[in-house]
C-alpha cells in the first residue's frame, strides 16, 4: 500500500525524507517553497543533487509536490492570471530539478465572472503551461488537477467541470487527477456506502476517465455531504467515517493508487496526529 502524508520542508527537502523514514511511510507530499508566498527560494544544483541522492536511498516510493495556494488559473484579473501561469511554470521547473515527476494543483476561482468563463481561462492557462519550455524540458512530469469542495466560486467542483477542462486542452496526455475525499464529499459525492462509492466512481469514469486518476488525498470532512465547506478532519472522526475509508482503500479501482493524508497535524494539542491517522488508514487495508 502506498500511504503517506504531507510533510514540512522546514528542515529542507532532505528533512522531509528523514521525517518520512521516521514515520515509516513510503509516500510523501511536499511544497517546494512557502505555499502562501509568491516568492520561491532558489533551489541550488547542490541541494537538488543531495535530495535526489537521498531519495534514491529512501524507503519513499512515491513523492508529489503540491503547488502554492495563491495560484488562480481562472482569475479574470489579468495580472493575477499571468502571474499564476508564470508561477506554475516555475513550480514545474522546481519539480524537475528535484526529479519529482508529479505536481498537483488547484485550479482557482472565477471570482464572479461565471463558470464557463472560468473554464475557458483555465484551458488557456493550462495550454500555455503544457506547451512551456519547463514542461517540455522535464518530460516525465505529469500535472494533476485537484477537485475542490465548491466554496464560493472555486473551480473544479464537479466531475463534469473537470472533464470539460481536460477535453478542452490541446494536449492532455500528461494531465491527471488528484481526488480529494473531503472535497468530493463536500461537493456532494457519496462515499459512505458501497453503492454511493460505486456511483461516484462511475460518474468520475464517465466524465473524466478513471485512467486519469493518479492520486488520492485521503481526508475526512468536518462538514456534511454537500456542504461545500473544505475542512479536513482526522480519519474516521468526521462526517465520512471509518467504514467509508475501508471501502475506499480497498476498492479495486483505487487500491493501487498512492494515498496521501492532509489531515490536521495535532490532536488534543499534541503533534502526534500523523502517526494516529496513518495507523488507522493502514488498519482498514485488506491484503
C-alpha atoms as a PDB file:
ATOM      1  CA  UNK A   1       0.000   0.000   0.000  1.00  0.00           C
ATOM      2  CA  UNK A   2       1.389   3.395  -0.987  1.00  0.00           C
ATOM      3  CA  UNK A   3       0.455   5.524   2.021  1.00  0.00           C
ATOM      4  CA  UNK A   4       1.870   8.732   3.425  1.00  0.00           C
ATOM      5  CA  UNK A   5       1.122  12.324   4.304  1.00  0.00           C
ATOM      6  CA  UNK A   6       2.028  15.896   3.545  1.00  0.00           C
ATOM      7  CA  UNK A   7       5.297  16.775   5.277  1.00  0.00           C
ATOM      8  CA  UNK A   8       7.002  20.066   6.007  1.00  0.00           C
ATOM      9  CA  UNK A   9      10.195  21.187   4.255  1.00  0.00           C
ATOM     10  CA  UNK A  10      11.030  23.406   7.234  1.00  0.00           C
ATOM     11  CA  UNK A  11      14.209  21.383   7.684  1.00  0.00           C
ATOM     12  CA  UNK A  12      14.882  21.308   3.962  1.00  0.00           C
ATOM     13  CA  UNK A  13      13.854  18.851   1.260  1.00  0.00           C
ATOM     14  CA  UNK A  14      16.029  16.120   2.736  1.00  0.00           C
ATOM     15  CA  UNK A  15      14.467  16.819   6.136  1.00  0.00           C
ATOM     16  CA  UNK A  16      11.101  15.755   4.736  1.00  0.00           C
ATOM     17  CA  UNK A  17      12.633  12.423   3.714  1.00  0.00           C
ATOM     18  CA  UNK A  18      14.084  11.957   7.205  1.00  0.00           C
ATOM     19  CA  UNK A  19      10.633  12.627   8.678  1.00  0.00           C
ATOM     20  CA  UNK A  20       9.078  10.137   6.253  1.00  0.00           C
ATOM     21  CA  UNK A  21      11.502   7.444   7.332  1.00  0.00           C
ATOM     22  CA  UNK A  22      10.746   8.143  11.000  1.00  0.00           C
ATOM     23  CA  UNK A  23       7.015   7.769  10.264  1.00  0.00           C
ATOM     24  CA  UNK A  24       7.615   4.545   8.320  1.00  0.00           C
ATOM     25  CA  UNK A  25       5.814   5.773   5.212  1.00  0.00           C
ATOM     26  CA  UNK A  26       6.509   5.124   1.536  1.00  0.00           C
ATOM     27  CA  UNK A  27       4.598   8.078   0.028  1.00  0.00           C
ATOM     28  CA  UNK A  28       5.100  11.807   0.618  1.00  0.00           C
ATOM     29  CA  UNK A  29       3.677  15.133  -0.482  1.00  0.00           C
ATOM     30  CA  UNK A  30       5.611  18.392  -0.035  1.00  0.00           C
ATOM     31  CA  UNK A  31       5.545  22.024  -1.090  1.00  0.00           C
ATOM     32  CA  UNK A  32       8.611  23.231  -2.951  1.00  0.00           C
ATOM     33  CA  UNK A  33       8.547  26.562  -1.048  1.00  0.00           C
ATOM     34  CA  UNK A  34       6.300  28.584   1.269  1.00  0.00           C
ATOM     35  CA  UNK A  35       2.868  27.841  -0.194  1.00  0.00           C
ATOM     36  CA  UNK A  36       1.441  31.165   0.969  1.00  0.00           C
ATOM     37  CA  UNK A  37       4.059  33.294  -0.774  1.00  0.00           C
ATOM     38  CA  UNK A  38       4.817  34.130  -4.399  1.00  0.00           C
ATOM     39  CA  UNK A  39       8.487  34.222  -3.534  1.00  0.00           C
ATOM     40  CA  UNK A  40      10.294  30.958  -4.260  1.00  0.00           C
ATOM     41  CA  UNK A  41      13.667  30.426  -2.663  1.00  0.00           C
ATOM     42  CA  UNK A  42      16.173  29.224  -5.228  1.00  0.00           C
ATOM     43  CA  UNK A  43      16.890  25.505  -5.373  1.00  0.00           C
ATOM     44  CA  UNK A  44      20.620  25.159  -5.976  1.00  0.00           C
ATOM     45  CA  UNK A  45      22.051  22.363  -8.092  1.00  0.00           C
ATOM     46  CA  UNK A  46      23.853  21.121  -4.979  1.00  0.00           C
ATOM     47  CA  UNK A  47      20.641  20.956  -2.936  1.00  0.00           C
ATOM     48  CA  UNK A  48      18.809  19.233  -5.785  1.00  0.00           C
ATOM     49  CA  UNK A  49      21.564  16.640  -6.194  1.00  0.00           C
ATOM     50  CA  UNK A  50      21.643  15.945  -2.441  1.00  0.00           C
ATOM     51  CA  UNK A  51      17.880  15.464  -2.368  1.00  0.00           C
ATOM     52  CA  UNK A  52      17.932  13.138  -5.366  1.00  0.00           C
ATOM     53  CA  UNK A  53      20.681  11.042  -3.800  1.00  0.00           C
ATOM     54  CA  UNK A  54      18.826  10.748  -0.509  1.00  0.00           C
ATOM     55  CA  UNK A  55      15.536   9.975  -2.285  1.00  0.00           C
ATOM     56  CA  UNK A  56      17.204   7.147  -4.212  1.00  0.00           C
ATOM     57  CA  UNK A  57      18.230   5.563  -0.900  1.00  0.00           C
ATOM     58  CA  UNK A  58      14.970   6.284   0.894  1.00  0.00           C
ATOM     59  CA  UNK A  59      12.005   3.955   1.544  1.00  0.00           C
ATOM     60  CA  UNK A  60       9.842   6.596  -0.154  1.00  0.00           C
ATOM     61  CA  UNK A  61       8.465   5.094  -3.381  1.00  0.00           C
ATOM     62  CA  UNK A  62       6.129   7.941  -4.339  1.00  0.00           C
ATOM     63  CA  UNK A  63       6.568  11.696  -3.951  1.00  0.00           C
ATOM     64  CA  UNK A  64       4.474  14.569  -5.236  1.00  0.00           C
ATOM     65  CA  UNK A  65       4.730  18.362  -5.000  1.00  0.00           C
ATOM     66  CA  UNK A  66       1.663  20.439  -4.187  1.00  0.00           C
ATOM     67  CA  UNK A  67       1.726  23.881  -5.787  1.00  0.00           C
ATOM     68  CA  UNK A  68       1.257  27.098  -3.841  1.00  0.00           C
ATOM     69  CA  UNK A  69      -2.179  28.175  -2.623  1.00  0.00           C
ATOM     70  CA  UNK A  70      -2.036  31.554  -4.406  1.00  0.00           C
ATOM     71  CA  UNK A  71      -2.399  30.277  -7.969  1.00  0.00           C
ATOM     72  CA  UNK A  72      -5.620  31.232  -9.744  1.00  0.00           C
ATOM     73  CA  UNK A  73      -5.738  29.935 -13.297  1.00  0.00           C
ATOM     74  CA  UNK A  74      -9.392  31.038 -13.595  1.00  0.00           C
ATOM     75  CA  UNK A  75      -8.884  34.641 -12.496  1.00  0.00           C
ATOM     76  CA  UNK A  76     -10.472  37.442 -14.551  1.00  0.00           C
ATOM     77  CA  UNK A  77      -7.719  39.714 -13.185  1.00  0.00           C
ATOM     78  CA  UNK A  78      -5.146  39.637 -15.984  1.00  0.00           C
ATOM     79  CA  UNK A  79      -2.233  40.424 -13.650  1.00  0.00           C
ATOM     80  CA  UNK A  80      -3.092  37.534 -11.296  1.00  0.00           C
ATOM     81  CA  UNK A  81      -3.852  35.270 -14.265  1.00  0.00           C
ATOM     82  CA  UNK A  82      -0.445  35.897 -15.859  1.00  0.00           C
ATOM     83  CA  UNK A  83       1.340  35.655 -12.533  1.00  0.00           C
ATOM     84  CA  UNK A  84      -0.310  32.301 -11.852  1.00  0.00           C
ATOM     85  CA  UNK A  85       0.783  30.892 -15.207  1.00  0.00           C
ATOM     86  CA  UNK A  86       4.375  32.032 -14.641  1.00  0.00           C
ATOM     87  CA  UNK A  87       4.393  30.615 -11.107  1.00  0.00           C
ATOM     88  CA  UNK A  88       3.042  27.241 -12.242  1.00  0.00           C
ATOM     89  CA  UNK A  89       5.765  27.046 -14.893  1.00  0.00           C
ATOM     90  CA  UNK A  90       8.318  27.776 -12.168  1.00  0.00           C
ATOM     91  CA  UNK A  91       6.785  25.079  -9.929  1.00  0.00           C
ATOM     92  CA  UNK A  92       7.248  22.597 -12.782  1.00  0.00           C
ATOM     93  CA  UNK A  93      10.883  23.630 -13.150  1.00  0.00           C
ATOM     94  CA  UNK A  94      11.462  23.113  -9.423  1.00  0.00           C
ATOM     95  CA  UNK A  95       9.843  19.662  -9.536  1.00  0.00           C
ATOM     96  CA  UNK A  96      12.087  18.786 -12.467  1.00  0.00           C
ATOM     97  CA  UNK A  97      15.208  19.896 -10.617  1.00  0.00           C
ATOM     98  CA  UNK A  98      14.257  17.622  -7.721  1.00  0.00           C
ATOM     99  CA  UNK A  99      13.393  14.746 -10.083  1.00  0.00           C
ATOM    100  CA  UNK A 100       9.818  14.664  -8.786  1.00  0.00           C
ATOM    101  CA  UNK A 101       7.523  13.660 -11.616  1.00  0.00           C
ATOM    102  CA  UNK A 102       4.094  14.580 -10.269  1.00  0.00           C
ATOM    103  CA  UNK A 103       2.746  18.011  -9.398  1.00  0.00           C
ATOM    104  CA  UNK A 104      -0.753  18.592  -8.023  1.00  0.00           C
ATOM    105  CA  UNK A 105      -2.506  21.935  -8.324  1.00  0.00           C
ATOM    106  CA  UNK A 106      -5.765  23.658  -7.502  1.00  0.00           C
ATOM    107  CA  UNK A 107      -7.442  25.457 -10.391  1.00  0.00           C
ATOM    108  CA  UNK A 108      -8.555  28.690  -8.753  1.00  0.00           C
ATOM    109  CA  UNK A 109     -11.825  30.626  -8.733  1.00  0.00           C
ATOM    110  CA  UNK A 110     -13.748  32.547 -11.380  1.00  0.00           C
ATOM    111  CA  UNK A 111     -14.457  35.427  -8.954  1.00  0.00           C
ATOM    112  CA  UNK A 112     -17.958  36.076 -10.238  1.00  0.00           C
ATOM    113  CA  UNK A 113     -17.161  36.002 -13.949  1.00  0.00           C
ATOM    114  CA  UNK A 114     -19.044  32.698 -14.339  1.00  0.00           C
ATOM    115  CA  UNK A 115     -18.191  29.017 -14.643  1.00  0.00           C
ATOM    116  CA  UNK A 116     -17.921  28.990 -18.439  1.00  0.00           C
ATOM    117  CA  UNK A 117     -15.529  31.929 -18.430  1.00  0.00           C
ATOM    118  CA  UNK A 118     -13.526  30.269 -15.653  1.00  0.00           C
ATOM    119  CA  UNK A 119     -13.260  27.028 -17.616  1.00  0.00           C
ATOM    120  CA  UNK A 120     -12.104  28.931 -20.706  1.00  0.00           C
ATOM    121  CA  UNK A 121      -9.383  30.755 -18.760  1.00  0.00           C
ATOM    122  CA  UNK A 122      -8.178  27.543 -17.112  1.00  0.00           C
ATOM    123  CA  UNK A 123      -7.917  25.856 -20.514  1.00  0.00           C
ATOM    124  CA  UNK A 124      -5.957  28.818 -21.889  1.00  0.00           C
ATOM    125  CA  UNK A 125      -3.640  28.844 -18.864  1.00  0.00           C
ATOM    126  CA  UNK A 126      -3.030  25.093 -18.902  1.00  0.00           C
ATOM    127  CA  UNK A 127      -2.436  25.038 -22.658  1.00  0.00           C
ATOM    128  CA  UNK A 128       0.288  27.643 -22.192  1.00  0.00           C
ATOM    129  CA  UNK A 129       1.849  25.796 -19.265  1.00  0.00           C
ATOM    130  CA  UNK A 130       1.734  22.428 -21.038  1.00  0.00           C
ATOM    131  CA  UNK A 131       3.439  23.975 -24.076  1.00  0.00           C
ATOM    132  CA  UNK A 132       6.059  25.785 -21.970  1.00  0.00           C
ATOM    133  CA  UNK A 133       9.789  25.200 -22.083  1.00  0.00           C
ATOM    134  CA  UNK A 134       9.772  23.900 -18.492  1.00  0.00           C
ATOM    135  CA  UNK A 135       7.134  21.263 -19.210  1.00  0.00           C
ATOM    136  CA  UNK A 136       8.866  20.197 -22.422  1.00  0.00           C
ATOM    137  CA  UNK A 137      12.264  20.030 -20.726  1.00  0.00           C
ATOM    138  CA  UNK A 138      11.074  17.795 -17.880  1.00  0.00           C
ATOM    139  CA  UNK A 139       9.204  15.282 -19.999  1.00  0.00           C
ATOM    140  CA  UNK A 140       8.461  12.833 -17.178  1.00  0.00           C
ATOM    141  CA  UNK A 141       6.384  15.311 -15.169  1.00  0.00           C
ATOM    142  CA  UNK A 142       2.632  14.882 -15.009  1.00  0.00           C
ATOM    143  CA  UNK A 143       0.346  17.698 -13.851  1.00  0.00           C
ATOM    144  CA  UNK A 144      -2.502  16.586 -11.581  1.00  0.00           C
ATOM    145  CA  UNK A 145      -5.652  18.701 -11.275  1.00  0.00           C
ATOM    146  CA  UNK A 146      -7.330  18.529  -7.864  1.00  0.00           C
ATOM    147  CA  UNK A 147     -11.078  18.561  -7.276  1.00  0.00           C
ATOM    148  CA  UNK A 148     -12.485  21.168  -4.882  1.00  0.00           C
ATOM    149  CA  UNK A 149     -15.252  21.335  -2.286  1.00  0.00           C
ATOM    150  CA  UNK A 150     -17.115  24.091  -4.119  1.00  0.00           C
ATOM    151  CA  UNK A 151     -16.909  27.005  -1.698  1.00  0.00           C
ATOM    152  CA  UNK A 152     -17.565  30.393  -3.276  1.00  0.00           C
ATOM    153  CA  UNK A 153     -16.588  30.489  -6.952  1.00  0.00           C
ATOM    154  CA  UNK A 154     -13.865  27.847  -6.829  1.00  0.00           C
ATOM    155  CA  UNK A 155     -13.425  25.769  -9.961  1.00  0.00           C
ATOM    156  CA  UNK A 156     -13.125  22.003 -10.304  1.00  0.00           C
ATOM    157  CA  UNK A 157     -16.006  21.083  -8.007  1.00  0.00           C
ATOM    158  CA  UNK A 158     -17.971  18.677 -10.189  1.00  0.00           C
ATOM    159  CA  UNK A 159     -16.533  15.918 -12.350  1.00  0.00           C
ATOM    160  CA  UNK A 160     -18.267  17.323 -15.492  1.00  0.00           C
ATOM    161  CA  UNK A 161     -16.448  20.622 -14.941  1.00  0.00           C
ATOM    162  CA  UNK A 162     -13.054  18.934 -14.652  1.00  0.00           C
ATOM    163  CA  UNK A 163     -13.870  16.765 -17.657  1.00  0.00           C
ATOM    164  CA  UNK A 164     -14.742  19.855 -19.721  1.00  0.00           C
ATOM    165  CA  UNK A 165     -11.374  21.402 -18.854  1.00  0.00           C
ATOM    166  CA  UNK A 166      -9.453  18.281 -19.869  1.00  0.00           C
ATOM    167  CA  UNK A 167     -11.487  17.858 -23.064  1.00  0.00           C
ATOM    168  CA  UNK A 168     -10.716  21.463 -23.991  1.00  0.00           C
ATOM    169  CA  UNK A 169      -6.931  21.104 -23.738  1.00  0.00           C
ATOM    170  CA  UNK A 170      -4.834  20.934 -26.886  1.00  0.00           C
ATOM    171  CA  UNK A 171      -2.843  18.040 -25.414  1.00  0.00           C
ATOM    172  CA  UNK A 172      -3.950  16.380 -22.170  1.00  0.00           C
ATOM    173  CA  UNK A 173      -1.608  13.383 -22.425  1.00  0.00           C
ATOM    174  CA  UNK A 174       0.370  14.475 -19.350  1.00  0.00           C
ATOM    175  CA  UNK A 175      -2.591  15.633 -17.272  1.00  0.00           C
ATOM    176  CA  UNK A 176      -4.015  13.519 -14.482  1.00  0.00           C
ATOM    177  CA  UNK A 177      -6.325  13.926 -11.498  1.00  0.00           C
ATOM    178  CA  UNK A 178      -5.889  14.039  -7.739  1.00  0.00           C
ATOM    179  CA  UNK A 179      -9.159  13.137  -5.997  1.00  0.00           C
ATOM    180  CA  UNK A 180      -9.573  14.590  -2.504  1.00  0.00           C
ATOM    181  CA  UNK A 181     -12.106  12.619  -0.450  1.00  0.00           C
ATOM    182  CA  UNK A 182     -13.076  15.579   1.757  1.00  0.00           C
ATOM    183  CA  UNK A 183     -13.538  17.822  -1.274  1.00  0.00           C
ATOM    184  CA  UNK A 184     -15.558  15.260  -3.219  1.00  0.00           C
ATOM    185  CA  UNK A 185     -17.805  14.545  -0.224  1.00  0.00           C
ATOM    186  CA  UNK A 186     -18.336  18.265   0.460  1.00  0.00           C
ATOM    187  CA  UNK A 187     -19.180  18.710  -3.229  1.00  0.00           C
ATOM    188  CA  UNK A 188     -21.973  16.154  -2.884  1.00  0.00           C
ATOM    189  CA  UNK A 189     -20.371  12.868  -3.946  1.00  0.00           C
ATOM    190  CA  UNK A 190     -21.406   9.995  -1.662  1.00  0.00           C
ATOM    191  CA  UNK A 191     -18.537   7.833  -0.397  1.00  0.00           C
ATOM    192  CA  UNK A 192     -20.012   6.188   2.696  1.00  0.00           C
ATOM    193  CA  UNK A 193     -21.790   3.200   1.176  1.00  0.00           C
ATOM    194  CA  UNK A 194     -20.724   0.620  -1.413  1.00  0.00           C
ATOM    195  CA  UNK A 195     -23.479   1.845  -3.744  1.00  0.00           C
ATOM    196  CA  UNK A 196     -22.592   5.514  -3.201  1.00  0.00           C
ATOM    197  CA  UNK A 197     -18.883   4.979  -3.803  1.00  0.00           C
ATOM    198  CA  UNK A 198     -19.644   2.928  -6.922  1.00  0.00           C
ATOM    199  CA  UNK A 199     -21.908   5.664  -8.284  1.00  0.00           C
ATOM    200  CA  UNK A 200     -19.262   8.300  -7.554  1.00  0.00           C
ATOM    201  CA  UNK A 201     -16.545   6.348  -9.359  1.00  0.00           C
ATOM    202  CA  UNK A 202     -18.883   5.580 -12.257  1.00  0.00           C
ATOM    203  CA  UNK A 203     -19.552   9.302 -12.601  1.00  0.00           C
ATOM    204  CA  UNK A 204     -15.827  10.035 -12.430  1.00  0.00           C
ATOM    205  CA  UNK A 205     -15.129   7.464 -15.131  1.00  0.00           C
ATOM    206  CA  UNK A 206     -17.881   8.788 -17.387  1.00  0.00           C
ATOM    207  CA  UNK A 207     -16.922  12.468 -17.068  1.00  0.00           C
ATOM    208  CA  UNK A 208     -13.128  12.255 -16.731  1.00  0.00           C
ATOM    209  CA  UNK A 209     -11.923   8.649 -17.038  1.00  0.00           C
ATOM    210  CA  UNK A 210     -10.561   6.543 -14.191  1.00  0.00           C
ATOM    211  CA  UNK A 211      -7.382   6.058 -16.224  1.00  0.00           C
ATOM    212  CA  UNK A 212      -6.520   9.683 -15.373  1.00  0.00           C
ATOM    213  CA  UNK A 213      -6.787   9.159 -11.607  1.00  0.00           C
ATOM    214  CA  UNK A 214      -3.242   9.221 -10.198  1.00  0.00           C
ATOM    215  CA  UNK A 215      -3.540  10.180  -6.528  1.00  0.00           C
ATOM    216  CA  UNK A 216      -5.997  10.131  -3.623  1.00  0.00           C
ATOM    217  CA  UNK A 217      -5.903  12.778  -0.902  1.00  0.00           C
ATOM    218  CA  UNK A 218      -7.332  10.776   1.993  1.00  0.00           C
ATOM    219  CA  UNK A 219      -9.125  13.206   4.331  1.00  0.00           C
ATOM    220  CA  UNK A 220     -12.226  13.062   6.480  1.00  0.00           C
ATOM    221  CA  UNK A 221     -14.633  16.020   6.445  1.00  0.00           C
ATOM    222  CA  UNK A 222     -15.727  18.203   9.352  1.00  0.00           C
ATOM    223  CA  UNK A 223     -18.916  19.105   7.499  1.00  0.00           C
ATOM    224  CA  UNK A 224     -21.767  17.053   5.985  1.00  0.00           C
ATOM    225  CA  UNK A 225     -22.287  15.720   2.488  1.00  0.00           C
ATOM    226  CA  UNK A 226     -22.817  18.558   0.005  1.00  0.00           C
ATOM    227  CA  UNK A 227     -21.838  21.274   2.489  1.00  0.00           C
ATOM    228  CA  UNK A 228     -19.356  22.831   0.049  1.00  0.00           C
ATOM    229  CA  UNK A 229     -17.084  23.509   3.010  1.00  0.00           C
ATOM    230  CA  UNK A 230     -13.430  22.462   2.809  1.00  0.00           C
ATOM    231  CA  UNK A 231     -12.471  21.479   6.348  1.00  0.00           C
ATOM    232  CA  UNK A 232     -10.389  18.335   6.799  1.00  0.00           C
ATOM    233  CA  UNK A 233     -10.814  16.068   9.811  1.00  0.00           C
ATOM    234  CA  UNK A 234      -8.877  13.155  11.276  1.00  0.00           C
ATOM    235  CA  UNK A 235      -9.567   9.829   9.583  1.00  0.00           C
ATOM    236  CA  UNK A 236     -12.769   8.326  10.970  1.00  0.00           C
ATOM    237  CA  UNK A 237     -13.540  11.362  13.136  1.00  0.00           C
ATOM    238  CA  UNK A 238     -15.531  13.334  10.596  1.00  0.00           C
ATOM    239  CA  UNK A 239     -18.705  13.025   8.545  1.00  0.00           C
ATOM    240  CA  UNK A 240     -17.233  10.484   6.103  1.00  0.00           C
ATOM    241  CA  UNK A 241     -16.367   7.936   8.791  1.00  0.00           C
ATOM    242  CA  UNK A 242     -14.281   4.793   9.206  1.00  0.00           C
ATOM    243  CA  UNK A 243     -16.424   2.404   7.171  1.00  0.00           C
ATOM    244  CA  UNK A 244     -16.140   4.685   4.133  1.00  0.00           C
ATOM    245  CA  UNK A 245     -12.348   4.753   4.304  1.00  0.00           C
ATOM    246  CA  UNK A 246     -12.294   0.982   4.481  1.00  0.00           C
ATOM    247  CA  UNK A 247     -14.340   0.918   1.256  1.00  0.00           C
ATOM    248  CA  UNK A 248     -12.074   3.492  -0.415  1.00  0.00           C
ATOM    249  CA  UNK A 249      -8.661   1.971   0.338  1.00  0.00           C
ATOM    250  CA  UNK A 250      -9.860  -1.496  -0.703  1.00  0.00           C
ATOM    251  CA  UNK A 251     -11.788  -0.622  -3.858  1.00  0.00           C
ATOM    252  CA  UNK A 252     -10.326  -2.390  -6.890  1.00  0.00           C
ATOM    253  CA  UNK A 253     -10.163   0.844  -8.893  1.00  0.00           C
ATOM    254  CA  UNK A 254      -8.322   2.690  -6.106  1.00  0.00           C
ATOM    255  CA  UNK A 255      -6.218   0.294  -4.063  1.00  0.00           C
ATOM    256  CA  UNK A 256      -3.187   0.509  -6.355  1.00  0.00           C
ATOM    257  CA  UNK A 257      -3.011   4.307  -6.120  1.00  0.00           C
ATOM    258  CA  UNK A 258      -0.962   6.360  -3.640  1.00  0.00           C
ATOM    259  CA  UNK A 259      -2.931   7.711  -0.664  1.00  0.00           C
ATOM    260  CA  UNK A 260      -1.728  10.968   0.890  1.00  0.00           C
ATOM    261  CA  UNK A 261      -3.162  12.280   4.163  1.00  0.00           C
ATOM    262  CA  UNK A 262      -3.709  16.029   4.585  1.00  0.00           C
ATOM    263  CA  UNK A 263      -5.325  15.627   7.986  1.00  0.00           C
ATOM    264  CA  UNK A 264      -4.763  18.041  10.909  1.00  0.00           C
ATOM    265  CA  UNK A 265      -1.278  17.798  12.400  1.00  0.00           C
ATOM    266  CA  UNK A 266      -2.372  17.954  16.028  1.00  0.00           C
ATOM    267  CA  UNK A 267      -4.832  16.066  18.176  1.00  0.00           C
ATOM    268  CA  UNK A 268      -5.694  17.181  21.715  1.00  0.00           C
ATOM    269  CA  UNK A 269      -2.946  19.781  21.417  1.00  0.00           C
ATOM    270  CA  UNK A 270      -0.250  17.193  20.747  1.00  0.00           C
ATOM    271  CA  UNK A 271       1.665  16.782  17.482  1.00  0.00           C
ATOM    272  CA  UNK A 272       1.161  13.034  17.109  1.00  0.00           C
ATOM    273  CA  UNK A 273      -1.745  13.130  14.690  1.00  0.00           C
ATOM    274  CA  UNK A 274       0.118  11.843  11.624  1.00  0.00           C
ATOM    275  CA  UNK A 275       1.016   8.607  13.395  1.00  0.00           C
ATOM    276  CA  UNK A 276      -2.584   8.122  14.526  1.00  0.00           C
ATOM    277  CA  UNK A 277      -4.101   8.811  11.106  1.00  0.00           C
ATOM    278  CA  UNK A 278      -1.563   6.642   9.290  1.00  0.00           C
ATOM    279  CA  UNK A 279      -2.119   3.767  11.714  1.00  0.00           C
ATOM    280  CA  UNK A 280      -5.881   3.997  11.250  1.00  0.00           C
ATOM    281  CA  UNK A 281      -5.647   4.165   7.441  1.00  0.00           C
ATOM    282  CA  UNK A 282      -3.367   1.100   7.396  1.00  0.00           C
ATOM    283  CA  UNK A 283      -5.756  -0.816   9.632  1.00  0.00           C
ATOM    284  CA  UNK A 284      -8.525  -0.596   7.027  1.00  0.00           C
ATOM    285  CA  UNK A 285      -6.491  -2.241   4.277  1.00  0.00           C
ATOM    286  CA  UNK A 286      -7.366  -5.872   3.493  1.00  0.00           C
ATOM    287  CA  UNK A 287      -4.385  -7.535   1.840  1.00  0.00           C
END
